[in-house]
Amino acid sequence: MVEEPYYFTNFTSHTKYPNTPETDMMETVVHVVKFKINGEEKIVEVMATDPSNAINIVRRDLNELDRKI
């Protein structure tokens, strides 16, 4: 459980699997996003177009969740 206030830091992302000719043709692929909430490392997987997009998706979802809590 995360205590308030919430601090989301240290976002990194990479594709879960190596690029192949098949994945190069796909619009989205699985990305692993690592980040910290109040210093505790978290890892999630999201479908995204690139690592930057994956981080943006996770940040958006975290911000929405933070508003609901």
PDB file of N, CA and C in Angstrom:
ATOM      1  N   MET A   1       0.840  -1.182   0.000  1.00  0.00           N
ATOM      2  CA  MET A   1       0.000   0.000   0.000  1.00  0.00           C
ATOM      3  C   MET A   1       0.886   1.246   0.000  1.00  0.00           C
ATOM      4  N   VAL A   2       0.458   2.239  -0.758  1.00  0.00           N
ATOM      5  CA  VAL A   2       1.216   3.475  -0.884  1.00  0.00           C
ATOM      6  C   VAL A   2       0.619   4.511   0.053  1.00  0.00           C
ATOM      7  N   GLU A   3       1.484   5.201   0.780  1.00  0.00           N
ATOM      8  CA  GLU A   3       1.023   6.240   1.685  1.00  0.00           C
ATOM      9  C   GLU A   3       0.999   7.581   0.975  1.00  0.00           C
ATOM     10  N   GLU A   4       0.094   8.451   1.396  1.00  0.00           N
ATOM     11  CA  GLU A   4       0.020   9.792   0.820  1.00  0.00           C
ATOM     12  C   GLU A   4       1.128  10.653   1.358  1.00  0.00           C
ATOM     13  N   PRO A   5       1.609  11.671   0.690  1.00  0.00           N
ATOM     14  CA  PRO A   5       1.308  11.948  -0.720  1.00  0.00           C
ATOM     15  C   PRO A   5       2.042  10.982  -1.629  1.00  0.00           C
ATOM     16  N   TYR A   6       1.559  10.867  -2.844  1.00  0.00           N
ATOM     17  CA  TYR A   6       2.141   9.934  -3.804  1.00  0.00           C
ATOM     18  C   TYR A   6       3.204  10.631  -4.638  1.00  0.00           C
ATOM     19  N   TYR A   7       4.375  10.009  -4.756  1.00  0.00           N
ATOM     20  CA  TYR A   7       5.448  10.535  -5.592  1.00  0.00           C
ATOM     21  C   TYR A   7       5.795   9.488  -6.637  1.00  0.00           C
ATOM     22  N   PHE A   8       5.516   9.804  -7.906  1.00  0.00           N
ATOM     23  CA  PHE A   8       5.806   8.904  -9.012  1.00  0.00           C
ATOM     24  C   PHE A   8       7.101   9.374  -9.662  1.00  0.00           C
ATOM     25  N   THR A   9       8.138   8.519  -9.645  1.00  0.00           N
ATOM     26  CA  THR A   9       9.447   8.921 -10.148  1.00  0.00           C
ATOM     27  C   THR A   9      10.121   7.798 -10.930  1.00  0.00           C
ATOM     28  N   ASN A  10      11.230   8.145 -11.573  1.00  0.00           N
ATOM     29  CA  ASN A  10      12.163   7.199 -12.212  1.00  0.00           C
ATOM     30  C   ASN A  10      11.494   6.290 -13.244  1.00  0.00           C
ATOM     31  N   PHE A  11      10.764   6.863 -14.186  1.00  0.00           N
ATOM     32  CA  PHE A  11      10.108   6.073 -15.222  1.00  0.00           C
ATOM     33  C   PHE A  11      11.114   5.644 -16.276  1.00  0.00           C
ATOM     34  N   THR A  12      11.103   4.340 -16.599  1.00  0.00           N
ATOM     35  CA  THR A  12      11.867   3.807 -17.727  1.00  0.00           C
ATOM     36  C   THR A  12      10.976   2.815 -18.462  1.00  0.00           C
ATOM     37  N   SER A  13      11.280   2.584 -19.730  1.00  0.00           N
ATOM     38  CA  SER A  13      10.467   1.658 -20.515  1.00  0.00           C
ATOM     39  C   SER A  13      11.302   1.018 -21.610  1.00  0.00           C
ATOM     40  N   HIS A  14      10.911  -0.200 -21.959  1.00  0.00           N
ATOM     41  CA  HIS A  14      11.540  -0.911 -23.086  1.00  0.00           C
ATOM     42  C   HIS A  14      10.558  -1.949 -23.596  1.00  0.00           C
ATOM     43  N   THR A  15      10.794  -2.429 -24.810  1.00  0.00           N
ATOM     44  CA  THR A  15       9.931  -3.480 -25.339  1.00  0.00           C
ATOM     45  C   THR A  15      10.190  -4.771 -24.573  1.00  0.00           C
ATOM     46  N   LYS A  16       9.126  -5.556 -24.408  1.00  0.00           N
ATOM     47  CA  LYS A  16       9.273  -6.809 -23.660  1.00  0.00           C
ATOM     48  C   LYS A  16      10.042  -7.851 -24.474  1.00  0.00           C
ATOM     49  N   TYR A  17       9.832  -7.837 -25.792  1.00  0.00           N
ATOM     50  CA  TYR A  17      10.468  -8.824 -26.666  1.00  0.00           C
ATOM     51  C   TYR A  17      11.318  -8.105 -27.718  1.00  0.00           C
ATOM     52  N   PRO A  18      12.314  -8.781 -28.266  1.00  0.00           N
ATOM     53  CA  PRO A  18      13.133  -8.165 -29.319  1.00  0.00           C
ATOM     54  C   PRO A  18      12.285  -7.826 -30.556  1.00  0.00           C
ATOM     55  N   ASN A  19      12.722  -6.810 -31.280  1.00  0.00           N
ATOM     56  CA  ASN A  19      12.043  -6.458 -32.531  1.00  0.00           C
ATOM     57  C   ASN A  19      12.257  -7.553 -33.560  1.00  0.00           C
ATOM     58  N   THR A  20      11.210  -7.807 -34.323  1.00  0.00           N
ATOM     59  CA  THR A  20      11.261  -8.750 -35.443  1.00  0.00           C
ATOM     60  C   THR A  20      10.568  -8.079 -36.618  1.00  0.00           C
ATOM     61  N   PRO A  21      10.714  -8.629 -37.818  1.00  0.00           N
ATOM     62  CA  PRO A  21       9.973  -8.055 -38.949  1.00  0.00           C
ATOM     63  C   PRO A  21       8.456  -8.024 -38.692  1.00  0.00           C
ATOM     64  N   GLU A  22       7.955  -9.034 -37.980  1.00  0.00           N
ATOM     65  CA  GLU A  22       6.518  -9.081 -37.680  1.00  0.00           C
ATOM     66  C   GLU A  22       6.117  -7.977 -36.701  1.00  0.00           C
ATOM     67  N   THR A  23       6.895  -7.799 -35.623  1.00  0.00           N
ATOM     68  CA  THR A  23       6.531  -6.770 -34.643  1.00  0.00           C
ATOM     69  C   THR A  23       6.739  -5.370 -35.213  1.00  0.00           C
ATOM     70  N   ASP A  24       7.684  -5.226 -36.137  1.00  0.00           N
ATOM     71  CA  ASP A  24       7.886  -3.926 -36.772  1.00  0.00           C
ATOM     72  C   ASP A  24       6.653  -3.485 -37.561  1.00  0.00           C
ATOM     73  N   MET A  25       5.838  -4.438 -37.976  1.00  0.00           N
ATOM     74  CA  MET A  25       4.619  -4.120 -38.721  1.00  0.00           C
ATOM     75  C   MET A  25       3.426  -3.858 -37.798  1.00  0.00           C
ATOM     76  N   MET A  26       3.555  -4.156 -36.526  1.00  0.00           N
ATOM     77  CA  MET A  26       2.450  -3.973 -35.582  1.00  0.00           C
ATOM     78  C   MET A  26       2.400  -2.524 -35.105  1.00  0.00           C
ATOM     79  N   GLU A  27       1.180  -2.019 -34.906  1.00  0.00           N
ATOM     80  CA  GLU A  27       1.025  -0.646 -34.425  1.00  0.00           C
ATOM     81  C   GLU A  27       1.449  -0.523 -32.965  1.00  0.00           C
ATOM     82  N   THR A  28       1.091  -1.522 -32.146  1.00  0.00           N
ATOM     83  CA  THR A  28       1.490  -1.518 -30.732  1.00  0.00           C
ATOM     84  C   THR A  28       2.096  -2.863 -30.363  1.00  0.00           C
ATOM     85  N   VAL A  29       3.026  -2.833 -29.421  1.00  0.00           N
ATOM     86  CA  VAL A  29       3.645  -4.055 -28.889  1.00  0.00           C
ATOM     87  C   VAL A  29       3.733  -3.915 -27.369  1.00  0.00           C
ATOM     88  N   VAL A  30       4.035  -5.005 -26.699  1.00  0.00           N
ATOM     89  CA  VAL A  30       4.121  -4.997 -25.241  1.00  0.00           C
ATOM     90  C   VAL A  30       5.390  -4.271 -24.791  1.00  0.00           C
ATOM     91  N   HIS A  31       5.213  -3.331 -23.882  1.00  0.00           N
ATOM     92  CA  HIS A  31       6.325  -2.598 -23.282  1.00  0.00           C
ATOM     93  C   HIS A  31       6.311  -2.819 -21.772  1.00  0.00           C
ATOM     94  N   VAL A  32       7.484  -2.893 -21.185  1.00  0.00           N
ATOM     95  CA  VAL A  32       7.639  -2.991 -19.737  1.00  0.00           C
ATOM     96  C   VAL A  32       7.987  -1.594 -19.238  1.00  0.00           C
ATOM     97  N   VAL A  33       7.199  -1.115 -18.278  1.00  0.00           N
ATOM     98  CA  VAL A  33       7.449   0.203 -17.691  1.00  0.00           C
ATOM     99  C   VAL A  33       7.806   0.002 -16.224  1.00  0.00           C
ATOM    100  N   LYS A  34       8.959   0.528 -15.829  1.00  0.00           N
ATOM    101  CA  LYS A  34       9.388   0.487 -14.430  1.00  0.00           C
ATOM    102  C   LYS A  34       9.338   1.913 -13.889  1.00  0.00           C
ATOM    103  N   PHE A  35       8.900   2.043 -12.650  1.00  0.00           N
ATOM    104  CA  PHE A  35       8.834   3.349 -12.013  1.00  0.00           C
ATOM    105  C   PHE A  35       8.783   3.148 -10.509  1.00  0.00           C
ATOM    106  N   LYS A  36       8.841   4.226  -9.768  1.00  0.00           N
ATOM    107  CA  LYS A  36       8.767   4.142  -8.314  1.00  0.00           C
ATOM    108  C   LYS A  36       7.602   4.978  -7.802  1.00  0.00           C
ATOM    109  N   ILE A  37       6.926   4.437  -6.795  1.00  0.00           N
ATOM    110  CA  ILE A  37       5.903   5.173  -6.056  1.00  0.00           C
ATOM    111  C   ILE A  37       6.434   5.309  -4.641  1.00  0.00           C
ATOM    112  N   ASN A  38       6.728   6.555  -4.263  1.00  0.00           N
ATOM    113  CA  ASN A  38       7.313   6.819  -2.940  1.00  0.00           C
ATOM    114  C   ASN A  38       8.527   5.930  -2.669  1.00  0.00           C
ATOM    115  N   GLY A  39       9.360   5.735  -3.691  1.00  0.00           N
ATOM    116  CA  GLY A  39      10.593   4.975  -3.544  1.00  0.00           C
ATOM    117  C   GLY A  39      10.467   3.476  -3.734  1.00  0.00           C
ATOM    118  N   GLU A  40       9.246   2.952  -3.853  1.00  0.00           N
ATOM    119  CA  GLU A  40       9.031   1.509  -4.032  1.00  0.00           C
ATOM    120  C   GLU A  40       8.884   1.196  -5.518  1.00  0.00           C
ATOM    121  N   GLU A  41       9.763   0.313  -6.039  1.00  0.00           N
ATOM    122  CA  GLU A  41       9.738   0.017  -7.472  1.00  0.00           C
ATOM    123  C   GLU A  41       8.493  -0.778  -7.860  1.00  0.00           C
ATOM    124  N   LYS A  42       7.925  -0.381  -8.991  1.00  0.00           N
ATOM    125  CA  LYS A  42       6.768  -1.055  -9.576  1.00  0.00           C
ATOM    126  C   LYS A  42       7.104  -1.383 -11.018  1.00  0.00           C
ATOM    127  N   ILE A  43       6.518  -2.459 -11.521  1.00  0.00           N
ATOM    128  CA  ILE A  43       6.712  -2.859 -12.910  1.00  0.00           C
ATOM    129  C   ILE A  43       5.351  -3.216 -13.490  1.00  0.00           C
ATOM    130  N   VAL A  44       5.031  -2.620 -14.648  1.00  0.00           N
ATOM    131  CA  VAL A  44       3.787  -2.938 -15.337  1.00  0.00           C
ATOM    132  C   VAL A  44       4.077  -3.165 -16.809  1.00  0.00           C
ATOM    133  N   GLU A  45       3.161  -3.841 -17.476  1.00  0.00           N
ATOM    134  CA  GLU A  45       3.254  -4.062 -18.915  1.00  0.00           C
ATOM    135  C   GLU A  45       2.068  -3.391 -19.580  1.00  0.00           C
ATOM    136  N   VAL A  46       2.329  -2.683 -20.680  1.00  0.00           N
ATOM    137  CA  VAL A  46       1.278  -2.022 -21.438  1.00  0.00           C
ATOM    138  C   VAL A  46       1.531  -2.181 -22.929  1.00  0.00           C
ATOM    139  N   MET A  47       0.454  -2.124 -23.683  1.00  0.00           N
ATOM    140  CA  MET A  47       0.567  -2.103 -25.135  1.00  0.00           C
ATOM    141  C   MET A  47       0.765  -0.653 -25.545  1.00  0.00           C
ATOM    142  N   ALA A  48       1.820  -0.386 -26.326  1.00  0.00           N
ATOM    143  CA  ALA A  48       2.128   0.987 -26.717  1.00  0.00           C
ATOM    144  C   ALA A  48       2.870   1.004 -28.046  1.00  0.00           C
ATOM    145  N   THR A  49       2.927   2.198 -28.634  1.00  0.00           N
ATOM    146  CA  THR A  49       3.601   2.348 -29.922  1.00  0.00           C
ATOM    147  C   THR A  49       5.113   2.424 -29.774  1.00  0.00           C
ATOM    148  N   ASP A  50       5.580   2.964 -28.630  1.00  0.00           N
ATOM    149  CA  ASP A  50       7.015   3.095 -28.375  1.00  0.00           C
ATOM    150  C   ASP A  50       7.219   3.309 -26.872  1.00  0.00           C
ATOM    151  N   PRO A  51       8.457   3.270 -26.392  1.00  0.00           N
ATOM    152  CA  PRO A  51       8.693   3.412 -24.945  1.00  0.00           C
ATOM    153  C   PRO A  51       8.141   4.714 -24.354  1.00  0.00           C
ATOM    154  N   SER A  52       8.260   5.798 -25.079  1.00  0.00           N
ATOM    155  CA  SER A  52       7.740   7.073 -24.582  1.00  0.00           C
ATOM    156  C   SER A  52       6.222   7.022 -24.427  1.00  0.00           C
ATOM    157  N   ASN A  53       5.546   6.427 -25.397  1.00  0.00           N
ATOM    158  CA  ASN A  53       4.097   6.272 -25.343  1.00  0.00           C
ATOM    159  C   ASN A  53       3.700   5.391 -24.161  1.00  0.00           C
ATOM    160  N   ALA A  54       4.481   4.346 -23.899  1.00  0.00           N
ATOM    161  CA  ALA A  54       4.191   3.453 -22.769  1.00  0.00           C
ATOM    162  C   ALA A  54       4.262   4.211 -21.445  1.00  0.00           C
ATOM    163  N   ILE A  55       5.281   5.039 -21.279  1.00  0.00           N
ATOM    164  CA  ILE A  55       5.416   5.831 -20.059  1.00  0.00           C
ATOM    165  C   ILE A  55       4.245   6.800 -19.933  1.00  0.00           C
ATOM    166  N   ASN A  56       3.863   7.438 -21.026  1.00  0.00           N
ATOM    167  CA  ASN A  56       2.736   8.373 -20.990  1.00  0.00           C
ATOM    168  C   ASN A  56       1.436   7.679 -20.599  1.00  0.00           C
ATOM    169  N   ILE A  57       1.218   6.469 -21.090  1.00  0.00           N
ATOM    170  CA  ILE A  57       0.020   5.707 -20.737  1.00  0.00           C
ATOM    171  C   ILE A  57       0.002   5.423 -19.239  1.00  0.00           C
ATOM    172  N   VAL A  58       1.132   4.972 -18.702  1.00  0.00           N
ATOM    173  CA  VAL A  58       1.198   4.652 -17.271  1.00  0.00           C
ATOM    174  C   VAL A  58       1.026   5.917 -16.431  1.00  0.00           C
ATOM    175  N   ARG A  59       1.681   7.001 -16.814  1.00  0.00           N
ATOM    176  CA  ARG A  59       1.524   8.270 -16.075  1.00  0.00           C
ATOM    177  C   ARG A  59       0.063   8.722 -16.058  1.00  0.00           C
ATOM    178  N   ARG A  60      -0.601   8.639 -17.205  1.00  0.00           N
ATOM    179  CA  ARG A  60      -2.016   9.030 -17.289  1.00  0.00           C
ATOM    180  C   ARG A  60      -2.865   8.177 -16.350  1.00  0.00           C
ATOM    181  N   ASP A  61      -2.645   6.862 -16.401  1.00  0.00           N
ATOM    182  CA  ASP A  61      -3.423   5.966 -15.544  1.00  0.00           C
ATOM    183  C   ASP A  61      -3.150   6.221 -14.065  1.00  0.00           C
ATOM    184  N   LEU A  62      -1.894   6.480 -13.702  1.00  0.00           N
ATOM    185  CA  LEU A  62      -1.561   6.783 -12.310  1.00  0.00           C
ATOM    186  C   LEU A  62      -2.215   8.082 -11.854  1.00  0.00           C
ATOM    187  N   ASN A  63      -2.218   9.084 -12.719  1.00  0.00           N
ATOM    188  CA  ASN A  63      -2.845  10.354 -12.365  1.00  0.00           C
ATOM    189  C   ASN A  63      -4.349  10.199 -12.180  1.00  0.00           C
ATOM    190  N   GLU A  64      -4.992   9.394 -13.028  1.00  0.00           N
ATOM    191  CA  GLU A  64      -6.429   9.144 -12.884  1.00  0.00           C
ATOM    192  C   GLU A  64      -6.703   8.395 -11.590  1.00  0.00           C
ATOM    193  N   LEU A  65      -5.887   7.404 -11.285  1.00  0.00           N
ATOM    194  CA  LEU A  65      -6.062   6.642 -10.051  1.00  0.00           C
ATOM    195  C   LEU A  65      -5.845   7.540  -8.832  1.00  0.00           C
ATOM    196  N   ASP A  66      -4.835   8.390  -8.889  1.00  0.00           N
ATOM    197  CA  ASP A  66      -4.524   9.304  -7.789  1.00  0.00           C
ATOM    198  C   ASP A  66      -5.701  10.240  -7.511  1.00  0.00           C
ATOM    199  N   ARG A  67      -6.388  10.686  -8.558  1.00  0.00           N
ATOM    200  CA  ARG A  67      -7.547  11.574  -8.369  1.00  0.00           C
ATOM    201  C   ARG A  67      -8.718  10.864  -7.727  1.00  0.00           C
ATOM    202  N   LYS A  68      -8.833   9.537  -7.968  1.00  0.00           N
ATOM    203  CA  LYS A  68      -9.962   8.772  -7.428  1.00  0.00           C
ATOM    204  C   LYS A  68      -9.769   8.371  -5.978  1.00  0.00           C
ATOM    205  N   ILE A  69      -8.532   8.354  -5.530  1.00  0.00           N
ATOM    206  CA  ILE A  69      -8.242   7.896  -4.157  1.00  0.00           C
ATOM    207  C   ILE A  69      -8.575   8.978  -3.158  1.00  0.00           C
TER     208      ILE A  69
END
